[in-house]
Each structure stands twice: as C-alpha cells, then as structure tokens.
Protein backbone atom coordinates (compact mmCIF):
# COMPACT_ATOMS: atom_id res chain seq x y z
CA MET A 1 0.00 0.00 0.00
CA THR A 2 1.27 3.47 -0.79
CA ARG A 3 0.54 6.49 1.31
CA ASN A 4 0.39 10.03 -0.03
CA ARG A 5 0.25 13.24 1.94
CA LYS A 6 -1.88 14.75 -0.85
CA ALA A 7 -3.55 12.66 -3.49
CA GLN A 8 -3.06 15.21 -6.25
CA SER A 9 0.36 16.55 -5.30
CA PRO A 10 3.08 15.96 -7.90
CA THR A 11 5.92 13.62 -7.14
CA PRO A 12 8.87 15.85 -6.16
CA THR A 13 11.35 13.72 -8.08
CA GLU A 14 11.45 12.37 -11.58
CA PRO A 15 10.56 8.65 -11.63
CA LEU A 16 13.08 6.11 -12.78
CA ASP A 17 12.90 4.99 -16.39
CA SER A 18 10.95 1.81 -15.73
CA PRO A 19 8.49 0.41 -18.26
CA PRO A 20 4.79 1.13 -17.77
CA SER A 21 4.19 -2.55 -16.98
CA ALA A 22 6.43 -2.15 -13.92
CA ARG A 23 4.00 0.35 -12.43
CA PRO A 24 1.49 -1.47 -10.21
CA ASP A 25 -2.23 -0.96 -10.67
CA VAL A 26 -2.99 0.91 -7.45
CA ARG A 27 -6.41 1.98 -6.24
CA ALA A 28 -6.68 5.28 -4.40
CA LEU A 29 -8.93 4.99 -1.35
CA ASP A 30 -11.80 7.37 -0.84
CA ALA A 31 -13.76 7.53 2.41
CA ARG A 32 -16.34 4.92 1.38
CA ALA A 33 -13.74 2.46 0.09
CA LEU A 34 -11.65 2.93 3.23
CA ARG A 35 -14.62 2.13 5.48
CA GLY A 36 -15.33 -0.95 3.37
CA LEU A 37 -11.76 -2.22 3.61
CA ALA A 38 -10.88 -1.31 7.19
CA HIS A 39 -11.45 -4.68 8.82
CA PRO A 40 -8.59 -7.00 9.88
CA LEU A 41 -9.94 -10.11 8.12
CA ARG A 42 -10.83 -8.24 4.93
CA MET A 43 -7.33 -6.80 4.76
CA ARG A 44 -5.79 -10.25 5.34
CA LEU A 45 -8.00 -11.75 2.62
CA LEU A 46 -7.08 -9.05 0.15
CA ALA A 47 -3.39 -9.41 0.95
CA ALA A 48 -3.59 -13.18 0.46
CA LEU A 49 -5.21 -12.79 -2.96
CA ARG A 50 -2.66 -10.19 -4.03
CA GLN A 51 0.34 -12.16 -2.88
CA ASP A 52 -0.72 -15.74 -3.64
CA GLY A 53 -3.22 -15.39 -6.46
CA PRO A 54 -6.86 -16.43 -6.91
CA ALA A 55 -8.51 -18.66 -4.32
CA THR A 56 -11.87 -19.78 -2.99
CA ALA A 57 -13.40 -18.82 0.34
CA SER A 58 -12.73 -22.29 1.75
CA ARG A 59 -9.08 -22.26 0.67
CA LEU A 60 -8.59 -18.85 2.21
CA ALA A 61 -10.35 -19.99 5.38
CA GLU A 62 -7.95 -22.90 5.74
CA ARG A 63 -4.93 -20.71 5.04
CA LEU A 64 -5.94 -17.96 7.48
CA GLY A 65 -7.42 -20.15 10.21
CA GLU A 66 -10.94 -18.75 9.79
CA SER A 67 -14.32 -20.28 9.07
CA SER A 68 -15.42 -20.49 5.44
CA GLY A 69 -18.61 -18.63 6.40
CA ALA A 70 -16.56 -15.66 7.64
CA THR A 71 -14.24 -15.58 4.62
CA SER A 72 -17.18 -15.91 2.22
CA TYR A 73 -19.03 -13.01 3.86
CA HIS A 74 -16.03 -10.69 3.91
CA LEU A 75 -15.06 -11.57 0.33
CA ARG A 76 -18.55 -10.48 -0.75
CA GLN A 77 -18.09 -7.23 1.16
CA LEU A 78 -14.74 -6.68 -0.55
CA ALA A 79 -16.41 -7.33 -3.90
CA ALA A 80 -19.17 -4.83 -3.11
CA HIS A 81 -16.48 -2.17 -2.66
CA GLY A 82 -14.55 -3.18 -5.78
CA PHE A 83 -11.47 -4.73 -4.15
CA VAL A 84 -11.98 -8.30 -5.40
CA GLU A 85 -13.74 -9.84 -8.36
CA ASP A 86 -14.73 -13.21 -9.77
CA ALA A 87 -12.02 -15.40 -11.28
CA PRO A 88 -14.24 -17.76 -13.32
CA GLU A 89 -11.33 -19.16 -15.33
CA HIS A 90 -10.16 -20.95 -12.17
CA GLY A 91 -13.49 -22.48 -11.22
CA LYS A 92 -14.05 -26.13 -12.04
CA GLY A 93 -16.88 -26.79 -9.60
CA ARG A 94 -19.60 -24.96 -7.78
CA GLU A 95 -17.33 -22.98 -5.46
CA ARG A 96 -16.64 -19.37 -6.37
CA TRP A 97 -13.07 -18.26 -7.09
CA TRP A 98 -11.90 -14.75 -6.27
CA ARG A 99 -8.99 -12.58 -7.34
CA ALA A 100 -7.74 -9.14 -6.33
CA ALA A 101 -8.95 -6.34 -8.58
CA HIS A 102 -5.79 -4.22 -8.11
CA ASP A 103 -2.14 -4.67 -7.20
CA GLY A 104 -2.26 -2.24 -4.28
CA THR A 105 -4.05 0.55 -2.49
CA ARG A 106 -3.06 4.17 -1.90
CA PHE A 107 -3.98 5.88 1.36
CA ASP A 108 -4.39 9.65 1.27
CA GLU A 109 -3.62 11.49 4.53
CA THR A 110 -6.47 13.91 3.85
CA LEU A 111 -8.83 11.09 4.84
CA VAL A 112 -7.58 11.67 8.39
CA ASP A 113 -7.21 15.44 8.16
CA GLU A 114 -10.59 16.12 6.54
CA GLY A 115 -12.67 13.02 7.20
CA ASP A 116 -15.53 12.60 9.64
CA GLU A 117 -15.28 10.59 12.85
CA ALA A 118 -16.23 7.29 11.17
CA THR A 119 -13.62 7.78 8.46
CA ARG A 120 -10.91 8.65 10.96
CA ALA A 121 -11.79 5.54 12.96
CA ALA A 122 -11.57 3.43 9.80
CA ALA A 123 -8.20 4.98 8.97
CA ASP A 124 -6.92 4.04 12.42
CA VAL A 125 -8.05 0.41 11.97
CA PHE A 126 -6.54 0.33 8.48
CA LEU A 127 -3.13 1.68 9.46
CA ARG A 128 -2.87 -0.38 12.65
CA GLN A 129 -3.66 -3.56 10.72
CA ILE A 130 -0.86 -2.75 8.26
CA ALA A 131 1.53 -2.26 11.19
CA ALA A 132 0.36 -5.56 12.72
CA THR A 133 0.86 -7.37 9.41
CA HIS A 134 4.39 -6.01 9.07
CA ALA A 135 5.21 -7.09 12.62
CA GLN A 136 3.81 -10.58 12.00
CA GLU A 137 5.83 -10.95 8.81
CA VAL A 138 9.00 -9.98 10.66
CA ASP A 139 8.17 -12.45 13.42
CA THR A 140 7.56 -15.21 10.86
CA TRP A 141 10.93 -14.53 9.25
CA LEU A 142 12.72 -14.64 12.60
CA ALA A 143 11.04 -17.95 13.43
CA THR A 144 11.72 -19.59 10.07
CA SER A 145 14.89 -17.96 8.70
CA HIS A 146 16.95 -21.00 9.70
CA THR A 147 14.96 -23.06 7.18
CA TRP A 148 16.01 -20.84 4.26
CA PRO A 149 19.24 -21.26 2.26
CA ALA A 150 22.21 -19.16 3.31
CA GLN A 151 21.95 -16.89 0.27
CA TRP A 152 18.44 -15.85 1.31
CA ARG A 153 19.51 -15.17 4.89
CA THR A 154 22.34 -13.04 3.47
CA GLY A 155 20.02 -11.28 1.04
CA SER A 156 17.43 -10.33 3.66
CA ASP A 157 17.74 -7.06 5.52
CA PHE A 158 16.98 -5.64 8.96
CA SER A 159 18.04 -2.00 8.93
CA ASP A 160 17.03 1.32 10.39
CA PHE A 161 18.47 4.78 9.88
CA THR A 162 18.20 8.15 11.59
CA LEU A 163 18.29 11.24 9.35
CA ARG A 164 17.66 14.95 9.90
CA LEU A 165 15.15 15.92 7.21
CA THR A 166 12.29 18.28 6.49
CA ALA A 167 8.84 16.90 5.70
CA ALA A 168 9.39 17.68 2.00
CA GLN A 169 12.75 15.91 1.96
CA THR A 170 11.22 12.88 3.66
CA ASP A 171 8.42 12.79 1.08
CA GLU A 172 11.00 12.98 -1.71
CA LEU A 173 13.03 10.16 -0.17
CA VAL A 174 9.97 7.92 0.13
CA HIS A 175 9.04 8.54 -3.52
CA ARG A 176 12.59 7.69 -4.59
CA LEU A 177 12.49 4.46 -2.60
CA HIS A 178 9.17 3.51 -4.18
CA ASP A 179 10.57 4.22 -7.65
CA VAL A 180 13.55 1.97 -7.01
CA ILE A 181 11.32 -0.83 -5.72
CA ASN A 182 8.95 -0.55 -8.68
CA SER A 183 11.90 -0.75 -11.09
CA TYR A 184 12.37 -4.35 -9.92
CA ARG A 185 8.86 -5.40 -10.92
CA ASP A 186 8.38 -7.65 -13.94
CA LEU A 187 12.01 -8.75 -14.13
CA PRO A 188 12.64 -11.79 -16.33
CA ALA A 189 11.95 -15.02 -14.49
CA GLU A 190 15.04 -16.73 -13.11
CA GLU A 191 15.63 -19.98 -11.29
CA GLY A 192 15.38 -19.48 -7.54
CA THR A 193 12.91 -16.58 -7.68
CA GLU A 194 10.75 -16.20 -4.57
CA THR A 195 8.17 -13.70 -3.36
CA VAL A 196 9.98 -11.00 -1.37
CA ARG A 197 8.18 -8.64 0.99
CA LEU A 198 9.57 -5.12 1.45
CA HIS A 199 8.36 -2.77 4.19
CA THR A 200 9.08 0.97 4.13
CA HIS A 201 8.50 3.12 7.22
CA ALA A 202 9.43 6.79 7.44
CA LEU A 203 8.45 8.26 10.80
CA PRO A 204 9.30 11.61 12.40
CA ARG A 205 10.50 11.41 15.98
CA ARG A 206 10.57 14.17 18.57
CA SER A 207 13.80 13.86 20.50
CA ALA A 208 15.00 15.85 23.50
CA GLU A 209 17.62 17.39 21.25
CA ALA A 210 15.03 18.54 18.72
CA ALA A 211 12.76 19.90 21.44
CA GLY A 212 15.64 22.00 22.73
CA GLY A 213 16.27 23.49 19.31
CA ALA A 214 19.78 22.10 19.11
CA GLY A 215 20.99 19.54 16.69
CA HIS A 216 23.22 18.83 13.75
CA ARG A 217 22.72 17.91 10.16
CA GLY A 218 24.96 14.91 10.36
CA THR A 219 23.23 11.69 9.33
CA GLY A 220 23.94 8.07 9.79
CA HIS A 221 22.43 4.75 10.60
CA ASP A 222 21.70 3.35 14.02
CA HIS A 223 21.49 -0.29 13.00
CA ASP A 224 22.19 -2.19 9.84
CA HIS A 225 21.19 -5.73 10.71
CA SER A 226 21.31 -7.91 7.64
CA ALA A 227 20.54 -11.59 7.72
CA SER A 228 24.24 -12.28 7.21
CA HIS A 229 24.56 -11.32 10.87
CA ASP A 230 21.73 -13.75 11.64
CA ALA A 231 19.85 -10.90 13.29
CA GLY A 232 17.26 -12.19 11.45
CA HIS A 233 11.19 -7.91 6.97
CA GLY A 234 4.11 -5.02 2.11
CA ARG A 235 0.43 -3.32 2.50
CA GLY A 236 -0.27 -1.44 -1.63
CA GLY A 237 1.32 -1.70 -2.26
CA ARG A 238 1.83 0.36 1.13
CA GLY A 239 2.52 -0.06 -2.52
CA ARG A 240 1.18 -3.45 -2.56
CA GLY A 241 0.52 -3.60 -1.18
CA ALA A 242 -1.76 -3.72 1.77
C-alpha cells in the first residue's frame, strides 16, 4: 500500500525509467472504500489474494485459520467495494473463485485530516492492521529464517536509519524508494525466484535534542542488521501492497 500526503500533489522527483508494466495498478482509497476495507480479516483476505493469487473462500479460510462462512461473507463485502472480483477461469466446480482487482491501495492522509469521525476511525483500523501485518511478517521470518538457504539469509535485511530531514525531503526520499522498488517489478523469471516482501517506514521522531532546538545535520544509521549477521522484513502496495 502506498501512502500520499496529498492525493493530487506531484511527485517531487522524476521517476526512474521503468516500463509502464512495472508500475502497479494501485487503487486510491476514498472515504467509502476505506470504510469498506478497514477490517482486519478483509485486509488479510485481500493481501492473500494479491500475494498468492486467486482462491476460494474455503481455501482462504484454511490458510488464514478462519471459518469459510466468515471468509465468504467478507469476500462479498470486498467485492461490493470493488477490491476483489470473480475469477471464473479458475473455477471447475460450484465454489466461487476470487482474485484481487488491483495490485495495491493508496492511502491519502487527507482522509484523516478532513474526514468525519467514522472515516478517521476506519483509517486508524486500516493503518494499525498494516503495522500488525508487518510485525507478523518480521516475526515469521525470525522464526523460520533457519529453514532458508544461506543466500536468502544473506540477502534479507533488517536496517534502520536516523536522518535529519524536512517533511518535504522525507516525502522525496519515500518517492525515490518507491521508484527503485517498482523498477524491480516484472524482471525476467530466473531460477530461484521467490516472493519477497519489502516494508518501508518513514516516521518523524521528537527527541529531546530537537525539542531544545539544538541539533546537527549529520546523518547516519543506528542499525544495519542484515541476515548475514543472523539478526534475522508489504500493504499497496503500502505499494502493494496492503
């Protein structure tokens, strides 16, 4: 899932020269769509369809540890709001197959700034579920990384950085990161290819130093924990991905 401060604001940097096919089909959320999506199980269902492809309600129920009645109901709700659609080419019996209608969703901060109480509450559920999903994916990697080949443990990453930036510079940095990530979409298939989840978080922090008005422009990183150190990783789509 991608998140914009303003839905119509131009990107402050020129995008990388990636082909149009590398740009994901992302749906911008309005207030109604947000309220329709902001439910933990609906978000998990949508993520499963986006990441693993078409499935039936019963298959999703088994995968997510839910009842087929619950998954069927929430899939219909997702369909009513345009997030999923029928995948009839996969159906060979009576059970209905579903697929995601888009590659990702885009959350606009004005939904919080200008929305009513119900919309702000939905935004809180939506964003907290994304944070919970990211945390669960990290936890799953930590619990299972020993089962992956060494080259995947080396190729994974656990890093965080502290920079001194303005809001505009942070927005520019995030757009640049998204452009780099999107440039890796639709690469030619190679042996050993796996689904890789990337999370991007850019969060301002009020420190005692900043509150006192002092500080320096020096930048650096606090931690750079890659899997090679065995320290042990999105949604839309937020570029996916949610």
